[in-house]
Amino acid sequence: MPEADTRTGEKKFYEDIPMKTPGFFLKGSNALDWGMKNRLARIFNPETGKTVMLAIDHGYFQGPTTGLERVDLNIVPLIPYADALMLTRGILRTTIPPASTKPIVMRASGGPSILKELSNEEIAVDIEDAIRMNVAALAIQVFIGGEFETRSVHNMTRLVDMGLRYGIPVLAVTAVGKEMTRDAKYFRLACRICAELGAQFVKTYYVPEGFETVTASCPVPIVMAGGKKIPVKDALTMAYNAVQQGAAGVDMGRNIFQSEAPIAMLKAVKGIVHKNMKPEEAYELYQSWKNEKQG
């Protein structure tokens, strides 16, 4: 039997101090359950409200992408420098060290390869497997305007329903078809639809004109997609502009793992996202870190 509380001193209930009910630091997330908030707080730094995710899920539709031929050799050394990893369950099980404590955003959609119509996706992960793998979030592609738009939206809403049952947030990834115009009007449409139908956060591309209207009109956090490989300074400038215009971080892949110095690039991007470094300063640090490694 536990011992009784026998202390004779007066108990302190602090009757004159009302109990605080703090809000959650992420936009649109205050009404979520505790477990879902906790998972989001692993992905997004509570001090800055932002994240630098490392996207390495490209192989699920295009095979061994340049820079991802050997995830064990090229990516595992980068893990300590990222805030979160976005990947598939196959790579997670086969290659990522279980001792890693980095939060996992696991790709949950799939089906067609680059040889077929990409919007013809299905949910490709069972929620129970996501729970077994202790993921922080599930990611799914949404093809607004694509041939199989309705299917992809329905995939997302089904995943959101499953995630709500078990406290796992869903990242909706806005996909852009070859024939679509990449402008703020399209991304306002795509991001708002994803948020309206329940996604807890959204990944979308940066556009130089009107991106602030995309983030302002989306009631949940937006994470900027890194997109295709571009020059280092351009990638850093894009990340800076996106964050300054309301993005809650970035999810970069090729602009990190295809760079000449991936660790230096990750550190430079984190400086921009979490420390508000200007692109010029981050680029100088990137060059310095890159030269240190080569020296």
Protein backbone atom coordinates (compact mmCIF):
# COMPACT_ATOMS: atom_id res chain seq x y z
CA MET A 1 0.00 0.00 0.00
CA PRO A 2 1.29 3.49 -0.76
CA GLU A 3 2.05 5.63 2.24
CA ALA A 4 -0.42 8.30 3.22
CA ASP A 5 0.46 11.96 2.79
CA THR A 6 1.54 12.69 6.40
CA ARG A 7 3.19 16.07 5.88
CA THR A 8 1.82 18.52 8.45
CA GLY A 9 2.63 21.73 6.64
CA GLU A 10 -0.09 23.73 4.94
CA LYS A 11 -0.77 22.62 1.37
CA LYS A 12 -0.36 25.20 -1.37
CA PHE A 13 -3.16 25.44 -3.90
CA TYR A 14 -2.28 28.94 -5.18
CA GLU A 15 -5.92 29.98 -5.21
CA ASP A 16 -4.98 33.49 -6.31
CA ILE A 17 -3.27 32.29 -9.50
CA PRO A 18 -5.63 31.16 -12.29
CA MET A 19 -4.51 28.06 -14.16
CA LYS A 20 -3.17 28.97 -17.58
CA THR A 21 -4.51 27.35 -20.72
CA PRO A 22 -1.80 28.15 -23.26
CA GLY A 23 -2.51 28.05 -26.96
CA PHE A 24 -0.52 25.87 -29.35
CA PHE A 25 2.22 27.58 -31.33
CA LEU A 26 1.23 26.37 -34.83
CA LYS A 27 -1.38 28.13 -36.92
CA GLY A 28 -4.74 26.39 -37.00
CA SER A 29 -3.66 23.62 -34.61
CA ASN A 30 -5.02 24.70 -31.24
CA ALA A 31 -8.11 22.48 -31.38
CA LEU A 32 -6.17 19.30 -32.18
CA ASP A 33 -5.78 16.46 -29.70
CA TRP A 34 -2.74 16.34 -27.40
CA GLY A 35 -1.08 13.47 -29.25
CA MET A 36 -1.36 15.20 -32.61
CA LYS A 37 0.02 18.43 -31.19
CA ASN A 38 2.89 16.52 -29.64
CA ARG A 39 3.75 14.94 -32.98
CA LEU A 40 3.61 18.31 -34.73
CA ALA A 41 5.88 19.75 -32.02
CA ARG A 42 8.47 17.11 -32.97
CA ILE A 43 8.40 18.23 -36.60
CA PHE A 44 8.20 21.99 -35.97
CA ASN A 45 10.60 23.62 -33.53
CA PRO A 46 8.41 25.06 -30.73
CA GLU A 47 10.84 27.96 -30.23
CA THR A 48 10.67 29.17 -33.83
CA GLY A 49 7.48 27.52 -35.06
CA LYS A 50 9.35 26.33 -38.14
CA THR A 51 10.97 23.22 -39.60
CA VAL A 52 13.63 22.10 -42.05
CA MET A 53 12.54 18.75 -43.40
CA LEU A 54 14.80 16.59 -45.56
CA ALA A 55 12.78 15.01 -48.36
CA ILE A 56 14.17 11.69 -49.64
CA ASP A 57 10.96 10.01 -50.80
CA HIS A 58 11.55 10.53 -54.54
CA GLY A 59 12.24 6.86 -55.19
CA TYR A 60 8.62 5.87 -54.60
CA PHE A 61 7.77 6.91 -58.16
CA GLN A 62 11.10 7.55 -59.95
CA GLY A 63 13.43 4.91 -58.56
CA PRO A 64 17.06 5.59 -57.53
CA THR A 65 17.15 9.34 -57.98
CA THR A 66 20.57 10.99 -58.33
CA GLY A 67 21.91 11.45 -54.81
CA LEU A 68 19.65 8.73 -53.43
CA GLU A 69 21.33 5.74 -55.06
CA ARG A 70 22.71 4.70 -51.67
CA VAL A 71 20.66 6.19 -48.86
CA ASP A 72 22.86 4.45 -46.29
CA LEU A 73 25.96 6.26 -47.55
CA ASN A 74 24.59 9.59 -48.79
CA ILE A 75 21.65 10.36 -46.52
CA VAL A 76 22.17 8.72 -43.13
CA PRO A 77 25.11 11.08 -42.35
CA LEU A 78 22.77 14.04 -42.93
CA ILE A 79 20.12 12.95 -40.43
CA PRO A 80 21.54 14.81 -37.39
CA TYR A 81 21.32 18.13 -39.26
CA ALA A 82 17.65 17.93 -40.32
CA ASP A 83 14.61 18.69 -38.15
CA ALA A 84 12.60 15.87 -39.73
CA LEU A 85 12.82 13.26 -42.49
CA MET A 86 10.26 12.72 -45.23
CA LEU A 87 10.60 9.21 -46.66
CA THR A 88 8.93 5.91 -47.48
CA ARG A 89 8.38 3.02 -45.11
CA GLY A 90 10.69 0.84 -47.17
CA ILE A 91 13.65 3.17 -46.67
CA LEU A 92 12.73 3.70 -43.02
CA ARG A 93 12.74 -0.02 -42.27
CA THR A 94 15.76 -1.00 -44.34
CA THR A 95 18.11 1.93 -43.94
CA ILE A 96 17.38 4.49 -41.21
CA PRO A 97 19.02 3.61 -37.86
CA PRO A 98 16.33 2.89 -35.24
CA ALA A 99 18.40 4.83 -32.71
CA SER A 100 17.64 8.02 -34.64
CA THR A 101 15.24 10.28 -32.76
CA LYS A 102 14.40 12.52 -35.72
CA PRO A 103 10.66 12.70 -36.43
CA ILE A 104 9.46 10.81 -39.49
CA VAL A 105 6.98 12.15 -42.04
CA MET A 106 6.13 9.00 -43.97
CA ARG A 107 4.95 8.92 -47.56
CA ALA A 108 1.54 7.22 -47.56
CA SER A 109 0.51 7.44 -51.22
CA GLY A 110 1.77 5.68 -54.30
CA GLY A 111 0.94 3.58 -57.32
CA PRO A 112 2.01 4.92 -60.70
CA SER A 113 5.62 5.43 -61.71
CA ILE A 114 6.98 8.25 -63.87
CA LEU A 115 6.03 6.04 -66.84
CA LYS A 116 2.31 6.51 -66.11
CA GLU A 117 -0.21 9.18 -65.08
CA LEU A 118 1.06 10.25 -61.66
CA SER A 119 -2.29 11.46 -60.35
CA ASN A 120 -3.63 7.90 -60.40
CA GLU A 121 -2.42 7.24 -56.85
CA GLU A 122 -3.88 5.24 -53.99
CA ILE A 123 -3.24 5.12 -50.25
CA ALA A 124 -0.22 2.83 -50.00
CA VAL A 125 0.31 2.51 -46.24
CA ASP A 126 -1.91 0.98 -43.57
CA ILE A 127 -2.44 3.22 -40.54
CA GLU A 128 -1.46 0.36 -38.23
CA ASP A 129 1.92 0.13 -39.93
CA ALA A 130 2.40 3.86 -39.46
CA ILE A 131 1.70 3.40 -35.75
CA ARG A 132 4.13 0.46 -35.58
CA MET A 133 6.81 2.66 -37.13
CA ASN A 134 6.17 5.49 -34.67
CA VAL A 135 5.81 8.14 -37.36
CA ALA A 136 5.19 11.79 -36.54
CA ALA A 137 3.04 12.42 -39.63
CA LEU A 138 1.80 10.90 -42.88
CA ALA A 139 2.24 12.59 -46.27
CA ILE A 140 -0.01 12.19 -49.27
CA GLN A 141 -0.03 13.70 -52.75
CA VAL A 142 -3.04 15.76 -53.85
CA PHE A 143 -3.47 16.47 -57.55
CA ILE A 144 -5.80 19.47 -57.81
CA GLY A 145 -6.67 19.83 -61.48
CA GLY A 146 -5.15 16.46 -62.35
CA GLU A 147 -6.86 13.67 -64.24
CA PHE A 148 -7.55 11.78 -61.01
CA GLU A 149 -8.15 14.84 -58.84
CA THR A 150 -11.18 13.42 -57.00
CA ARG A 151 -9.41 10.17 -56.18
CA SER A 152 -6.39 11.96 -54.76
CA VAL A 153 -8.57 14.26 -52.65
CA HIS A 154 -10.54 11.27 -51.41
CA ASN A 155 -7.27 9.51 -50.58
CA MET A 156 -6.32 12.50 -48.45
CA THR A 157 -9.64 12.70 -46.60
CA ARG A 158 -9.57 8.96 -45.84
CA LEU A 159 -6.04 9.34 -44.49
CA VAL A 160 -7.08 12.36 -42.41
CA ASP A 161 -9.91 10.32 -40.89
CA MET A 162 -7.51 7.50 -40.01
CA GLY A 163 -4.98 9.95 -38.62
CA LEU A 164 -7.57 11.63 -36.42
CA ARG A 165 -8.44 8.27 -34.87
CA TYR A 166 -4.86 7.72 -33.77
CA GLY A 167 -3.46 11.24 -33.34
CA ILE A 168 -1.27 11.25 -36.47
CA PRO A 169 -1.27 14.49 -38.53
CA VAL A 170 -1.45 14.46 -42.31
CA LEU A 171 0.73 16.51 -44.66
CA ALA A 172 -1.04 17.22 -47.96
CA VAL A 173 1.48 17.66 -50.80
CA THR A 174 0.16 19.78 -53.66
CA ALA A 175 1.23 18.22 -56.96
CA VAL A 176 1.36 20.25 -60.15
CA GLY A 177 0.73 18.63 -63.54
CA LYS A 178 2.83 19.46 -66.56
CA GLU A 179 0.04 21.44 -68.17
CA MET A 180 -0.81 23.50 -65.08
CA THR A 181 0.27 27.07 -64.39
CA ARG A 182 2.43 27.40 -61.29
CA ASP A 183 1.08 30.65 -59.93
CA ALA A 184 -0.37 31.99 -56.70
CA LYS A 185 -3.94 31.56 -57.94
CA TYR A 186 -3.43 27.81 -58.43
CA PHE A 187 -1.62 27.30 -55.13
CA ARG A 188 -4.24 29.30 -53.20
CA LEU A 189 -6.82 26.92 -54.64
CA ALA A 190 -4.85 23.73 -53.98
CA CYS A 191 -3.66 24.61 -50.46
CA ARG A 192 -7.04 25.89 -49.32
CA ILE A 193 -8.82 22.74 -50.55
CA CYS A 194 -6.35 20.55 -48.64
CA ALA A 195 -6.81 22.56 -45.44
CA GLU A 196 -10.59 22.78 -45.79
CA LEU A 197 -10.81 18.99 -46.07
CA GLY A 198 -8.72 18.36 -42.97
CA ALA A 199 -4.99 18.27 -43.68
CA GLN A 200 -3.07 19.48 -40.62
CA PHE A 201 -0.29 21.02 -42.73
CA VAL A 202 0.42 21.51 -46.43
CA LYS A 203 3.51 21.30 -48.62
CA THR A 204 3.52 23.48 -51.72
CA TYR A 205 5.84 25.25 -54.14
CA TYR A 206 7.12 28.79 -53.86
CA VAL A 207 6.11 31.38 -56.45
CA PRO A 208 7.82 34.77 -56.64
CA GLU A 209 4.58 36.71 -57.11
CA GLY A 210 1.84 36.46 -54.51
CA PHE A 211 3.20 33.67 -52.30
CA GLU A 212 2.18 35.65 -49.23
CA THR A 213 -1.44 35.36 -50.39
CA VAL A 214 -1.04 31.57 -50.51
CA THR A 215 0.18 31.37 -46.91
CA ALA A 216 -2.30 33.99 -45.66
CA SER A 217 -5.31 32.23 -47.17
CA CYS A 218 -4.34 28.78 -45.86
CA PRO A 219 -5.50 28.25 -42.25
CA VAL A 220 -2.83 25.62 -41.49
CA PRO A 221 0.99 25.78 -41.72
CA ILE A 222 2.54 25.70 -45.18
CA VAL A 223 5.94 24.10 -45.76
CA MET A 224 7.75 25.12 -48.93
CA ALA A 225 8.76 22.35 -51.35
CA GLY A 226 12.37 22.55 -52.52
CA GLY A 227 11.57 21.53 -56.09
CA LYS A 228 14.17 20.88 -58.77
CA LYS A 229 17.90 21.46 -58.27
CA ILE A 230 18.87 25.09 -58.70
CA PRO A 231 22.07 27.03 -57.85
CA VAL A 232 22.85 27.16 -54.12
CA LYS A 233 22.37 30.90 -53.70
CA ASP A 234 19.05 30.74 -55.57
CA ALA A 235 17.82 27.91 -53.33
CA LEU A 236 18.78 29.83 -50.19
CA THR A 237 17.08 32.96 -51.50
CA MET A 238 13.93 30.98 -52.30
CA ALA A 239 13.88 29.52 -48.78
CA TYR A 240 14.38 32.98 -47.26
CA ASN A 241 11.63 34.56 -49.33
CA ALA A 242 9.19 31.73 -48.55
CA VAL A 243 9.73 32.00 -44.80
CA GLN A 244 9.55 35.78 -44.84
CA GLN A 245 6.27 35.50 -46.73
CA GLY A 246 4.65 33.18 -44.22
CA ALA A 247 5.93 29.64 -44.77
CA ALA A 248 6.47 27.59 -41.61
CA GLY A 249 9.67 26.10 -42.99
CA VAL A 250 10.90 24.12 -45.96
CA ASP A 251 10.99 20.51 -47.11
CA MET A 252 14.05 20.29 -49.35
CA GLY A 253 15.42 17.27 -51.15
CA ARG A 254 17.41 17.69 -54.36
CA ASN A 255 18.74 21.12 -53.38
CA ILE A 256 20.34 19.42 -50.38
CA PHE A 257 21.33 15.87 -51.32
CA GLN A 258 22.40 16.87 -54.85
CA SER A 259 24.51 19.81 -53.66
CA GLU A 260 28.29 19.65 -53.51
CA ALA A 261 28.21 19.87 -49.72
CA PRO A 262 24.89 18.54 -48.39
CA ILE A 263 25.67 19.05 -44.69
CA ALA A 264 26.79 22.63 -45.32
CA MET A 265 23.62 23.24 -47.32
CA LEU A 266 21.40 21.84 -44.56
CA LYS A 267 23.10 24.05 -41.99
CA ALA A 268 22.73 27.10 -44.21
CA VAL A 269 19.02 26.44 -44.78
CA LYS A 270 18.50 25.98 -41.03
CA GLY A 271 20.19 29.32 -40.45
CA ILE A 272 17.69 30.98 -42.76
CA VAL A 273 14.64 29.18 -41.38
CA HIS A 274 15.38 29.29 -37.65
CA LYS A 275 17.70 32.29 -37.30
CA ASN A 276 16.38 34.64 -40.01
CA MET A 277 19.76 34.74 -41.73
CA LYS A 278 19.84 36.71 -44.96
CA PRO A 279 20.63 34.62 -48.08
CA GLU A 280 24.01 36.33 -48.52
CA GLU A 281 25.11 35.46 -44.98
CA ALA A 282 23.87 31.89 -45.29
CA TYR A 283 25.66 31.51 -48.61
CA GLU A 284 28.94 32.74 -47.13
CA LEU A 285 28.58 30.24 -44.29
CA TYR A 286 27.77 27.50 -46.79
CA GLN A 287 30.99 28.27 -48.68
CA SER A 288 32.97 28.31 -45.44
CA TRP A 289 31.56 24.97 -44.25
CA LYS A 290 32.04 23.48 -47.70
CA ASN A 291 35.70 24.55 -47.79
CA GLU A 292 36.29 23.19 -44.27
CA LYS A 293 35.12 19.77 -45.37
CA GLN A 294 37.23 19.82 -48.53
CA GLY A 295 40.26 21.01 -46.58
